[in-house]
């Protein structure tokens, strides 16, 4: 790492590792040009074993020299402390994936004039199928958004939005995978309740959600059209959909998204 890291990743958790692995696999940078800052020794050892040549240290600046560009992948409550530590190290620019933490807050904790990009990714990035939205802070420019997009595109899709929209993104795609996982849980439990073995119900639920997601992604059809196509008049699906509509599924989803958006805004204000 004589030339210094191309990217320093603060936080070696699941999302941090997903991005490191994606960048290496995509050829964005070799492992030797990436540096991960991770305070947990066991996790540092694990990352070093998985990615040959990857730099792994306990604290930012420990490896010596400039930190270069920085990706912050820590929990929101740790973001201020991380930024204040980084302020004295002079990162060229910073991409944060800490949920709810605004660019204004990031800029106030970092050195004056630091170029900042805020992102809201989601956990399917772990399998290269993530969805992220990004927005730049006051000092960020088009090239900084392109840089951030190139990082997140290694593990999925990226859109550029105004920062005011990122809380809404959090409620839809940021928290959205958990809504899908909850549906999977419910399908498995319902399958068992009507007589299926748990393993069979689990297999059916997983493959059904996978197949439906692929059809939605690859067909180009609106969700409503796909639902209508599988809902034959007087058939079994129509009966099941009727129960969900009567139970107010749409209103429940709307409330769930609104609650997640509200929490994202609360995190940004704390």
C-alpha atoms as a PDB file:
ATOM      1  CA  UNK A   1       0.000   0.000   0.000  1.00  0.00           C
ATOM      2  CA  UNK A   2       2.908   2.334  -0.753  1.00  0.00           C
ATOM      3  CA  UNK A   3       0.660   4.581  -2.854  1.00  0.00           C
ATOM      4  CA  UNK A   4      -1.880   4.808  -0.047  1.00  0.00           C
ATOM      5  CA  UNK A   5      -5.367   3.346  -0.072  1.00  0.00           C
ATOM      6  CA  UNK A   6      -7.689   4.159  -2.939  1.00  0.00           C
ATOM      7  CA  UNK A   7     -10.512   3.808  -0.434  1.00  0.00           C
ATOM      8  CA  UNK A   8     -10.609   3.553   3.352  1.00  0.00           C
ATOM      9  CA  UNK A   9     -13.714   1.760   4.652  1.00  0.00           C
ATOM     10  CA  UNK A  10     -14.633   2.652   8.233  1.00  0.00           C
ATOM     11  CA  UNK A  11     -16.551  -0.324   9.578  1.00  0.00           C
ATOM     12  CA  UNK A  12     -16.001  -3.958   8.668  1.00  0.00           C
ATOM     13  CA  UNK A  13     -19.540  -5.199   9.316  1.00  0.00           C
ATOM     14  CA  UNK A  14     -21.820  -6.873   6.791  1.00  0.00           C
ATOM     15  CA  UNK A  15     -22.408  -3.824   4.604  1.00  0.00           C
ATOM     16  CA  UNK A  16     -18.775  -2.749   4.763  1.00  0.00           C
ATOM     17  CA  UNK A  17     -17.639  -6.215   3.756  1.00  0.00           C
ATOM     18  CA  UNK A  18     -20.268  -6.455   1.012  1.00  0.00           C
ATOM     19  CA  UNK A  19     -18.901  -3.291  -0.566  1.00  0.00           C
ATOM     20  CA  UNK A  20     -15.270  -4.365  -0.185  1.00  0.00           C
ATOM     21  CA  UNK A  21     -16.030  -7.728  -1.789  1.00  0.00           C
ATOM     22  CA  UNK A  22     -18.041  -6.078  -4.560  1.00  0.00           C
ATOM     23  CA  UNK A  23     -15.308  -3.573  -5.365  1.00  0.00           C
ATOM     24  CA  UNK A  24     -12.682  -6.302  -5.556  1.00  0.00           C
ATOM     25  CA  UNK A  25     -14.881  -8.592  -7.690  1.00  0.00           C
ATOM     26  CA  UNK A  26     -15.777  -5.730 -10.042  1.00  0.00           C
ATOM     27  CA  UNK A  27     -12.134  -4.775 -10.504  1.00  0.00           C
ATOM     28  CA  UNK A  28     -12.756  -1.316  -9.039  1.00  0.00           C
ATOM     29  CA  UNK A  29      -9.609  -1.740  -6.961  1.00  0.00           C
ATOM     30  CA  UNK A  30      -7.374  -4.625  -5.872  1.00  0.00           C
ATOM     31  CA  UNK A  31      -7.568  -5.670  -2.236  1.00  0.00           C
ATOM     32  CA  UNK A  32      -4.177  -4.073  -1.594  1.00  0.00           C
ATOM     33  CA  UNK A  33      -5.589  -0.632  -2.455  1.00  0.00           C
ATOM     34  CA  UNK A  34      -8.425  -0.956   0.056  1.00  0.00           C
ATOM     35  CA  UNK A  35      -8.111  -0.350   3.798  1.00  0.00           C
ATOM     36  CA  UNK A  36     -10.707  -1.415   6.357  1.00  0.00           C
ATOM     37  CA  UNK A  37     -10.872   0.159   9.809  1.00  0.00           C
ATOM     38  CA  UNK A  38     -12.504  -2.290  12.222  1.00  0.00           C
ATOM     39  CA  UNK A  39     -12.141  -2.123  16.042  1.00  0.00           C
ATOM     40  CA  UNK A  40     -13.103  -5.758  16.715  1.00  0.00           C
ATOM     41  CA  UNK A  41      -9.988  -7.947  16.531  1.00  0.00           C
ATOM     42  CA  UNK A  42     -11.821 -11.154  15.609  1.00  0.00           C
ATOM     43  CA  UNK A  43     -13.553  -9.386  12.752  1.00  0.00           C
ATOM     44  CA  UNK A  44     -10.259  -7.940  11.520  1.00  0.00           C
ATOM     45  CA  UNK A  45      -8.746 -11.408  11.438  1.00  0.00           C
ATOM     46  CA  UNK A  46     -11.763 -12.753   9.550  1.00  0.00           C
ATOM     47  CA  UNK A  47     -11.576 -10.046   6.884  1.00  0.00           C
ATOM     48  CA  UNK A  48      -7.815 -10.493   6.450  1.00  0.00           C
ATOM     49  CA  UNK A  49      -8.332 -14.235   5.886  1.00  0.00           C
ATOM     50  CA  UNK A  50     -11.094 -13.742   3.333  1.00  0.00           C
ATOM     51  CA  UNK A  51      -9.421 -11.061   1.214  1.00  0.00           C
ATOM     52  CA  UNK A  52      -5.768 -11.669   0.521  1.00  0.00           C
ATOM     53  CA  UNK A  53      -3.778  -8.435   0.592  1.00  0.00           C
ATOM     54  CA  UNK A  54      -6.544  -6.353   2.193  1.00  0.00           C
ATOM     55  CA  UNK A  55      -5.317  -3.806   4.716  1.00  0.00           C
ATOM     56  CA  UNK A  56      -7.144  -4.099   8.041  1.00  0.00           C
ATOM     57  CA  UNK A  57      -6.443  -1.857  11.043  1.00  0.00           C
ATOM     58  CA  UNK A  58      -8.100  -1.003  14.342  1.00  0.00           C
ATOM     59  CA  UNK A  59      -8.120   2.800  13.972  1.00  0.00           C
ATOM     60  CA  UNK A  60      -8.105   5.297  11.117  1.00  0.00           C
ATOM     61  CA  UNK A  61      -4.604   6.633  10.521  1.00  0.00           C
ATOM     62  CA  UNK A  62      -2.970   3.575  12.076  1.00  0.00           C
ATOM     63  CA  UNK A  63      -1.541   2.459   8.734  1.00  0.00           C
ATOM     64  CA  UNK A  64       0.268   5.787   8.325  1.00  0.00           C
ATOM     65  CA  UNK A  65      -0.036   8.306   5.528  1.00  0.00           C
ATOM     66  CA  UNK A  66      -3.214   9.808   4.067  1.00  0.00           C
ATOM     67  CA  UNK A  67      -6.510   7.939   4.282  1.00  0.00           C
ATOM     68  CA  UNK A  68      -7.554   9.016   0.765  1.00  0.00           C
ATOM     69  CA  UNK A  69     -11.248   8.704  -0.015  1.00  0.00           C
ATOM     70  CA  UNK A  70     -13.387   7.321   2.811  1.00  0.00           C
ATOM     71  CA  UNK A  71     -16.526   5.199   3.044  1.00  0.00           C
ATOM     72  CA  UNK A  72     -18.269   5.363   6.421  1.00  0.00           C
ATOM     73  CA  UNK A  73     -20.143   2.124   7.095  1.00  0.00           C
ATOM     74  CA  UNK A  74     -20.951   2.334  10.810  1.00  0.00           C
ATOM     75  CA  UNK A  75     -24.173   2.581  12.799  1.00  0.00           C
ATOM     76  CA  UNK A  76     -25.658   6.105  12.924  1.00  0.00           C
ATOM     77  CA  UNK A  77     -24.882   6.553  16.624  1.00  0.00           C
ATOM     78  CA  UNK A  78     -21.162   6.076  15.936  1.00  0.00           C
ATOM     79  CA  UNK A  79     -21.000   8.403  12.947  1.00  0.00           C
ATOM     80  CA  UNK A  80     -20.140  11.622  14.803  1.00  0.00           C
ATOM     81  CA  UNK A  81     -17.185  10.098  16.637  1.00  0.00           C
ATOM     82  CA  UNK A  82     -15.865   8.575  13.400  1.00  0.00           C
ATOM     83  CA  UNK A  83     -16.147  11.885  11.534  1.00  0.00           C
ATOM     84  CA  UNK A  84     -14.419  13.838  14.285  1.00  0.00           C
ATOM     85  CA  UNK A  85     -11.551  11.340  14.203  1.00  0.00           C
ATOM     86  CA  UNK A  86     -11.373  11.695  10.424  1.00  0.00           C
ATOM     87  CA  UNK A  87     -11.345  15.504  10.557  1.00  0.00           C
ATOM     88  CA  UNK A  88      -7.670  15.574  11.519  1.00  0.00           C
ATOM     89  CA  UNK A  89      -6.718  13.034   8.828  1.00  0.00           C
ATOM     90  CA  UNK A  90      -7.939  15.124   5.900  1.00  0.00           C
ATOM     91  CA  UNK A  91      -9.887  12.662   3.727  1.00  0.00           C
ATOM     92  CA  UNK A  92     -10.320  13.807   0.129  1.00  0.00           C
ATOM     93  CA  UNK A  93     -14.028  13.004   0.192  1.00  0.00           C
ATOM     94  CA  UNK A  94     -16.446  10.939   2.236  1.00  0.00           C
ATOM     95  CA  UNK A  95     -19.304   8.623   1.319  1.00  0.00           C
ATOM     96  CA  UNK A  96     -21.579   7.742   4.247  1.00  0.00           C
ATOM     97  CA  UNK A  97     -24.094   4.903   4.327  1.00  0.00           C
ATOM     98  CA  UNK A  98     -25.168   5.651   7.926  1.00  0.00           C
ATOM     99  CA  UNK A  99     -28.973   5.689   7.905  1.00  0.00           C
ATOM    100  CA  UNK A 100     -30.597   9.034   8.648  1.00  0.00           C
ATOM    101  CA  UNK A 101     -27.370  11.025   9.129  1.00  0.00           C
ATOM    102  CA  UNK A 102     -27.615  14.151   6.974  1.00  0.00           C
ATOM    103  CA  UNK A 103     -24.852  15.682   4.883  1.00  0.00           C
ATOM    104  CA  UNK A 104     -25.146  18.812   7.006  1.00  0.00           C
ATOM    105  CA  UNK A 105     -24.330  16.811  10.137  1.00  0.00           C
ATOM    106  CA  UNK A 106     -21.473  15.000   8.411  1.00  0.00           C
ATOM    107  CA  UNK A 107     -20.016  18.286   7.182  1.00  0.00           C
ATOM    108  CA  UNK A 108     -20.235  19.823  10.650  1.00  0.00           C
ATOM    109  CA  UNK A 109     -18.180  16.979  12.132  1.00  0.00           C
ATOM    110  CA  UNK A 110     -15.596  16.759   9.348  1.00  0.00           C
ATOM    111  CA  UNK A 111     -12.951  19.298   8.364  1.00  0.00           C
ATOM    112  CA  UNK A 112     -14.398  22.422   6.686  1.00  0.00           C
ATOM    113  CA  UNK A 113     -14.899  22.019   2.959  1.00  0.00           C
ATOM    114  CA  UNK A 114     -14.873  18.202   2.957  1.00  0.00           C
ATOM    115  CA  UNK A 115     -16.804  16.844  -0.026  1.00  0.00           C
ATOM    116  CA  UNK A 116     -19.565  14.577   1.262  1.00  0.00           C
ATOM    117  CA  UNK A 117     -21.981  12.148  -0.385  1.00  0.00           C
ATOM    118  CA  UNK A 118     -24.744  10.463   1.576  1.00  0.00           C
ATOM    119  CA  UNK A 119     -26.195   7.112   0.490  1.00  0.00           C
ATOM    120  CA  UNK A 120     -29.048   4.840   1.477  1.00  0.00           C
ATOM    121  CA  UNK A 121     -28.249   1.278   0.355  1.00  0.00           C
ATOM    122  CA  UNK A 122     -29.985  -1.919   1.405  1.00  0.00           C
ATOM    123  CA  UNK A 123     -28.941  -5.399   2.495  1.00  0.00           C
ATOM    124  CA  UNK A 124     -29.433  -7.221  -0.847  1.00  0.00           C
ATOM    125  CA  UNK A 125     -26.072  -5.612  -1.605  1.00  0.00           C
ATOM    126  CA  UNK A 126     -24.743  -8.670   0.243  1.00  0.00           C
ATOM    127  CA  UNK A 127     -25.645 -10.743  -2.841  1.00  0.00           C
ATOM    128  CA  UNK A 128     -24.912  -8.080  -5.446  1.00  0.00           C
ATOM    129  CA  UNK A 129     -28.560  -7.084  -5.829  1.00  0.00           C
ATOM    130  CA  UNK A 130     -28.654  -3.912  -3.785  1.00  0.00           C
ATOM    131  CA  UNK A 131     -30.578  -0.700  -4.372  1.00  0.00           C
ATOM    132  CA  UNK A 132     -29.013   2.590  -3.303  1.00  0.00           C
ATOM    133  CA  UNK A 133     -29.875   6.261  -3.596  1.00  0.00           C
ATOM    134  CA  UNK A 134     -27.234   8.975  -3.246  1.00  0.00           C
ATOM    135  CA  UNK A 135     -27.092  12.734  -2.816  1.00  0.00           C
ATOM    136  CA  UNK A 136     -24.231  15.196  -2.431  1.00  0.00           C
ATOM    137  CA  UNK A 137     -23.580  17.695   0.322  1.00  0.00           C
ATOM    138  CA  UNK A 138     -22.872  21.415  -0.123  1.00  0.00           C
ATOM    139  CA  UNK A 139     -19.339  20.888  -1.397  1.00  0.00           C
ATOM    140  CA  UNK A 140     -19.987  17.754  -3.429  1.00  0.00           C
ATOM    141  CA  UNK A 141     -19.822  17.958  -7.203  1.00  0.00           C
ATOM    142  CA  UNK A 142     -20.928  15.804 -10.115  1.00  0.00           C
ATOM    143  CA  UNK A 143     -17.639  13.898 -10.097  1.00  0.00           C
ATOM    144  CA  UNK A 144     -18.158  13.034  -6.428  1.00  0.00           C
ATOM    145  CA  UNK A 145     -21.593  11.597  -7.173  1.00  0.00           C
ATOM    146  CA  UNK A 146     -20.068   9.577 -10.032  1.00  0.00           C
ATOM    147  CA  UNK A 147     -17.379   8.306  -7.656  1.00  0.00           C
ATOM    148  CA  UNK A 148     -19.958   7.279  -5.036  1.00  0.00           C
ATOM    149  CA  UNK A 149     -22.148   5.656  -7.699  1.00  0.00           C
ATOM    150  CA  UNK A 150     -19.178   3.623  -8.966  1.00  0.00           C
ATOM    151  CA  UNK A 151     -18.693   2.189  -5.479  1.00  0.00           C
ATOM    152  CA  UNK A 152     -22.320   1.289  -4.852  1.00  0.00           C
ATOM    153  CA  UNK A 153     -22.846   0.013  -8.415  1.00  0.00           C
ATOM    154  CA  UNK A 154     -20.415  -2.809  -7.598  1.00  0.00           C
ATOM    155  CA  UNK A 155     -23.194  -4.367  -5.501  1.00  0.00           C
ATOM    156  CA  UNK A 156     -26.389  -3.275  -7.254  1.00  0.00           C
ATOM    157  CA  UNK A 157     -28.294  -0.361  -8.748  1.00  0.00           C
ATOM    158  CA  UNK A 158     -27.875   3.338  -7.915  1.00  0.00           C
ATOM    159  CA  UNK A 159     -30.038   6.434  -8.379  1.00  0.00           C
ATOM    160  CA  UNK A 160     -29.168  10.077  -7.689  1.00  0.00           C
ATOM    161  CA  UNK A 161     -31.819  12.021  -5.765  1.00  0.00           C
ATOM    162  CA  UNK A 162     -32.204  15.222  -3.778  1.00  0.00           C
ATOM    163  CA  UNK A 163     -31.290  14.619  -0.161  1.00  0.00           C
ATOM    164  CA  UNK A 164     -34.829  15.465   0.956  1.00  0.00           C
ATOM    165  CA  UNK A 165     -35.935  12.219  -0.724  1.00  0.00           C
ATOM    166  CA  UNK A 166     -33.523   9.934   1.132  1.00  0.00           C
ATOM    167  CA  UNK A 167     -35.740   9.469   4.183  1.00  0.00           C
ATOM    168  CA  UNK A 168     -38.496   8.238   1.847  1.00  0.00           C
ATOM    169  CA  UNK A 169     -35.967   5.939   0.160  1.00  0.00           C
ATOM    170  CA  UNK A 170     -35.131   4.550   3.592  1.00  0.00           C
ATOM    171  CA  UNK A 171     -38.776   3.686   4.194  1.00  0.00           C
ATOM    172  CA  UNK A 172     -39.223   1.958   0.822  1.00  0.00           C
ATOM    173  CA  UNK A 173     -35.985   0.253  -0.274  1.00  0.00           C
ATOM    174  CA  UNK A 174     -33.818   0.654   2.826  1.00  0.00           C
ATOM    175  CA  UNK A 175     -36.278  -1.104   5.118  1.00  0.00           C
ATOM    176  CA  UNK A 176     -38.119  -2.871   2.291  1.00  0.00           C
ATOM    177  CA  UNK A 177     -36.136  -6.132   2.404  1.00  0.00           C
ATOM    178  CA  UNK A 178     -37.304  -6.675   5.977  1.00  0.00           C
ATOM    179  CA  UNK A 179     -40.920  -6.341   4.847  1.00  0.00           C
ATOM    180  CA  UNK A 180     -40.282  -9.057   2.250  1.00  0.00           C
ATOM    181  CA  UNK A 181     -38.600 -11.295   4.839  1.00  0.00           C
ATOM    182  CA  UNK A 182     -41.595 -10.849   7.127  1.00  0.00           C
ATOM    183  CA  UNK A 183     -43.875 -11.926   4.284  1.00  0.00           C
ATOM    184  CA  UNK A 184     -41.668 -14.976   3.790  1.00  0.00           C
ATOM    185  CA  UNK A 185     -42.001 -15.829   7.496  1.00  0.00           C
ATOM    186  CA  UNK A 186     -45.757 -15.461   7.282  1.00  0.00           C
ATOM    187  CA  UNK A 187     -46.001 -17.664   4.163  1.00  0.00           C
ATOM    188  CA  UNK A 188     -43.975 -20.413   5.835  1.00  0.00           C
ATOM    189  CA  UNK A 189     -46.110 -20.271   8.975  1.00  0.00           C
ATOM    190  CA  UNK A 190     -49.301 -20.292   6.907  1.00  0.00           C
ATOM    191  CA  UNK A 191     -48.055 -23.262   4.886  1.00  0.00           C
ATOM    192  CA  UNK A 192     -47.355 -25.222   8.055  1.00  0.00           C
ATOM    193  CA  UNK A 193     -50.806 -24.295   9.389  1.00  0.00           C
ATOM    194  CA  UNK A 194     -52.479 -25.874   6.347  1.00  0.00           C
ATOM    195  CA  UNK A 195     -50.512 -29.102   6.617  1.00  0.00           C
ATOM    196  CA  UNK A 196     -47.120 -28.679   4.934  1.00  0.00           C
ATOM    197  CA  UNK A 197     -43.869 -29.775   6.525  1.00  0.00           C
ATOM    198  CA  UNK A 198     -41.800 -26.749   7.675  1.00  0.00           C
ATOM    199  CA  UNK A 199     -38.964 -27.548   5.247  1.00  0.00           C
ATOM    200  CA  UNK A 200     -41.389 -27.828   2.326  1.00  0.00           C
ATOM    201  CA  UNK A 201     -43.175 -24.607   3.260  1.00  0.00           C
ATOM    202  CA  UNK A 202     -39.817 -22.846   3.521  1.00  0.00           C
ATOM    203  CA  UNK A 203     -38.704 -24.053   0.086  1.00  0.00           C
ATOM    204  CA  UNK A 204     -42.008 -23.037  -1.498  1.00  0.00           C
ATOM    205  CA  UNK A 205     -41.916 -19.559   0.071  1.00  0.00           C
ATOM    206  CA  UNK A 206     -38.292 -18.865  -0.889  1.00  0.00           C
ATOM    207  CA  UNK A 207     -38.647 -19.958  -4.503  1.00  0.00           C
ATOM    208  CA  UNK A 208     -41.996 -18.216  -4.906  1.00  0.00           C
ATOM    209  CA  UNK A 209     -40.565 -14.892  -3.718  1.00  0.00           C
ATOM    210  CA  UNK A 210     -37.457 -15.362  -5.848  1.00  0.00           C
ATOM    211  CA  UNK A 211     -39.469 -16.199  -8.954  1.00  0.00           C
ATOM    212  CA  UNK A 212     -41.954 -13.390  -8.409  1.00  0.00           C
ATOM    213  CA  UNK A 213     -39.117 -10.885  -7.885  1.00  0.00           C
ATOM    214  CA  UNK A 214     -37.364 -11.983 -11.066  1.00  0.00           C
ATOM    215  CA  UNK A 215     -40.594 -11.783 -13.042  1.00  0.00           C
ATOM    216  CA  UNK A 216     -41.214  -8.292 -11.684  1.00  0.00           C
ATOM    217  CA  UNK A 217     -37.672  -7.174 -12.496  1.00  0.00           C
ATOM    218  CA  UNK A 218     -37.333  -8.795 -15.922  1.00  0.00           C
ATOM    219  CA  UNK A 219     -40.813  -8.498 -17.420  1.00  0.00           C
ATOM    220  CA  UNK A 220     -40.962  -4.717 -17.377  1.00  0.00           C
ATOM    221  CA  UNK A 221     -44.657  -4.932 -16.532  1.00  0.00           C
ATOM    222  CA  UNK A 222     -46.190  -2.820 -13.725  1.00  0.00           C
ATOM    223  CA  UNK A 223     -46.806  -4.744 -10.485  1.00  0.00           C
ATOM    224  CA  UNK A 224     -50.557  -4.254 -10.860  1.00  0.00           C
ATOM    225  CA  UNK A 225     -50.534  -5.878 -14.315  1.00  0.00           C
ATOM    226  CA  UNK A 226     -48.594  -8.914 -13.063  1.00  0.00           C
ATOM    227  CA  UNK A 227     -50.986  -9.291 -10.147  1.00  0.00           C
ATOM    228  CA  UNK A 228     -53.974  -9.117 -12.463  1.00  0.00           C
ATOM    229  CA  UNK A 229     -52.448 -11.707 -14.808  1.00  0.00           C
ATOM    230  CA  UNK A 230     -52.214 -14.300 -12.044  1.00  0.00           C
ATOM    231  CA  UNK A 231     -55.581 -13.452 -10.479  1.00  0.00           C
ATOM    232  CA  UNK A 232     -58.151 -15.380 -12.504  1.00  0.00           C
ATOM    233  CA  UNK A 233     -61.771 -14.356 -11.872  1.00  0.00           C
ATOM    234  CA  UNK A 234     -63.371 -16.764  -9.418  1.00  0.00           C
ATOM    235  CA  UNK A 235     -60.070 -18.553  -8.796  1.00  0.00           C
ATOM    236  CA  UNK A 236     -57.980 -19.364  -5.736  1.00  0.00           C
ATOM    237  CA  UNK A 237     -55.707 -16.326  -6.025  1.00  0.00           C
ATOM    238  CA  UNK A 238     -58.638 -13.946  -6.254  1.00  0.00           C
ATOM    239  CA  UNK A 239     -60.002 -15.422  -3.029  1.00  0.00           C
ATOM    240  CA  UNK A 240     -56.653 -14.977  -1.269  1.00  0.00           C
ATOM    241  CA  UNK A 241     -56.099 -11.453  -2.589  1.00  0.00           C
ATOM    242  CA  UNK A 242     -59.586 -10.544  -1.419  1.00  0.00           C
ATOM    243  CA  UNK A 243     -58.658 -11.452   2.154  1.00  0.00           C
ATOM    244  CA  UNK A 244     -55.504  -9.322   1.993  1.00  0.00           C
ATOM    245  CA  UNK A 245     -57.411  -6.349   0.582  1.00  0.00           C
ATOM    246  CA  UNK A 246     -60.163  -6.693   3.212  1.00  0.00           C
ATOM    247  CA  UNK A 247     -57.506  -6.763   5.929  1.00  0.00           C
ATOM    248  CA  UNK A 248     -56.137  -3.444   4.648  1.00  0.00           C
ATOM    249  CA  UNK A 249     -52.764  -4.678   3.399  1.00  0.00           C
ATOM    250  CA  UNK A 250     -52.141  -1.515   1.379  1.00  0.00           C
ATOM    251  CA  UNK A 251     -52.850   0.714   4.368  1.00  0.00           C
ATOM    252  CA  UNK A 252     -50.615  -1.430   6.584  1.00  0.00           C
ATOM    253  CA  UNK A 253     -47.733  -1.161   4.114  1.00  0.00           C
ATOM    254  CA  UNK A 254     -48.261   2.594   3.872  1.00  0.00           C
ATOM    255  CA  UNK A 255     -48.125   2.887   7.663  1.00  0.00           C
ATOM    256  CA  UNK A 256     -44.986   0.764   7.853  1.00  0.00           C
ATOM    257  CA  UNK A 257     -43.185   2.893   5.249  1.00  0.00           C
ATOM    258  CA  UNK A 258     -44.325   6.107   6.938  1.00  0.00           C
ATOM    259  CA  UNK A 259     -43.056   4.848  10.308  1.00  0.00           C
ATOM    260  CA  UNK A 260     -39.659   3.980   8.853  1.00  0.00           C
ATOM    261  CA  UNK A 261     -39.448   7.383   7.153  1.00  0.00           C
ATOM    262  CA  UNK A 262     -40.296   9.119  10.423  1.00  0.00           C
ATOM    263  CA  UNK A 263     -37.580   7.184  12.246  1.00  0.00           C
ATOM    264  CA  UNK A 264     -35.042   8.099   9.563  1.00  0.00           C
ATOM    265  CA  UNK A 265     -35.900  11.772  10.079  1.00  0.00           C
ATOM    266  CA  UNK A 266     -35.564  11.364  13.848  1.00  0.00           C
ATOM    267  CA  UNK A 267     -32.092   9.868  13.400  1.00  0.00           C
ATOM    268  CA  UNK A 268     -31.136  12.843  11.233  1.00  0.00           C
ATOM    269  CA  UNK A 269     -32.242  15.279  13.915  1.00  0.00           C
ATOM    270  CA  UNK A 270     -30.534  13.541  16.840  1.00  0.00           C
END
